[in-house]
Amino acid sequence: MLTDLNWELNSSESTPVIVYTGRLHRDKGLEHLVRSFKQVVKKWRHARLWLVCVGPDRGNLVDLVHVLDLRGK
């Protein structure tokens, strides 16, 4: 189970979780996903967004997550 590997992935069965798997690249539109998730958290504060991927846009998305105060979400 993922939570055995990383306790931060622990969530209840009622927690909304959005999962993206793929390459982190500007062409994928992940910036829009992260920005939109800010609105999701306003309605469901325990919601989680899991980006399971690597790629050249990782640094930019990590910075955006910090700017939008979504770390840990």
Protein backbone atom coordinates (compact mmCIF):
# COMPACT_ATOMS: atom_id res chain seq x y z
CA MET A 1 0.00 0.00 0.00
CA LEU A 2 1.26 3.52 -0.80
CA THR A 3 0.73 4.72 2.76
CA ASP A 4 3.22 2.12 3.95
CA LEU A 5 5.85 3.86 1.81
CA ASN A 6 4.87 7.47 2.53
CA TRP A 7 2.68 8.38 5.51
CA GLU A 8 1.79 11.72 3.86
CA LEU A 9 -0.33 9.77 1.36
CA ASN A 10 -2.61 8.58 4.14
CA SER A 11 -6.24 9.65 3.67
CA SER A 12 -9.65 8.43 4.72
CA GLU A 13 -12.00 6.67 2.33
CA SER A 14 -14.14 9.80 2.18
CA THR A 15 -11.24 12.06 1.14
CA PRO A 16 -11.55 13.20 -2.50
CA VAL A 17 -8.31 12.31 -4.30
CA ILE A 18 -7.37 13.40 -7.83
CA VAL A 19 -4.47 11.42 -9.33
CA TYR A 20 -2.38 12.35 -12.37
CA THR A 21 0.15 9.92 -13.78
CA GLY A 22 2.23 10.94 -16.72
CA ARG A 23 5.04 13.20 -17.77
CA LEU A 24 5.49 16.64 -16.19
CA HIS A 25 5.67 18.85 -19.25
CA ARG A 26 4.26 22.28 -20.01
CA ASP A 27 2.28 20.87 -22.96
CA LYS A 28 0.26 18.65 -20.57
CA GLY A 29 -1.50 21.64 -18.98
CA LEU A 30 -0.69 20.64 -15.42
CA GLU A 31 -0.38 24.28 -14.38
CA HIS A 32 -4.12 24.58 -15.09
CA LEU A 33 -4.80 21.46 -13.04
CA VAL A 34 -2.85 22.81 -10.05
CA ARG A 35 -4.50 26.26 -10.30
CA SER A 36 -7.94 24.65 -10.58
CA PHE A 37 -7.23 22.47 -7.58
CA LYS A 38 -6.99 25.64 -5.47
CA GLN A 39 -10.73 26.05 -6.11
CA VAL A 40 -11.43 22.40 -5.27
CA VAL A 41 -9.75 22.84 -1.86
CA LYS A 42 -11.99 25.81 -1.10
CA LYS A 43 -15.02 23.51 -1.32
CA TRP A 44 -13.46 20.26 -0.04
CA ARG A 45 -10.61 21.28 2.25
CA HIS A 46 -9.42 17.70 2.76
CA ALA A 47 -9.16 16.98 -0.98
CA ARG A 48 -5.82 15.74 -2.27
CA LEU A 49 -4.02 16.06 -5.61
CA TRP A 50 -1.40 13.42 -6.29
CA LEU A 51 0.97 14.03 -9.20
CA VAL A 52 2.77 10.74 -9.79
CA CYS A 53 5.31 11.66 -12.42
CA VAL A 54 8.65 13.13 -13.43
CA GLY A 55 9.65 15.53 -16.14
CA PRO A 56 11.21 18.85 -17.06
CA ASP A 57 8.39 20.98 -15.60
CA ARG A 58 8.68 19.58 -12.07
CA GLY A 59 10.43 22.61 -10.60
CA ASN A 60 7.88 25.04 -12.01
CA LEU A 61 4.97 23.01 -10.63
CA VAL A 62 6.59 22.67 -7.19
CA ASP A 63 7.04 26.46 -7.13
CA LEU A 64 3.41 26.97 -8.15
CA VAL A 65 2.20 24.61 -5.40
CA HIS A 66 4.14 26.69 -2.87
CA VAL A 67 2.87 30.03 -4.24
CA LEU A 68 -0.74 28.79 -4.11
CA ASP A 69 -0.20 27.40 -0.59
CA LEU A 70 -1.16 23.87 -1.67
CA ARG A 71 1.76 21.99 -0.14
CA GLY A 72 0.49 18.92 1.65
CA LYS A 73 -2.73 18.93 -0.32
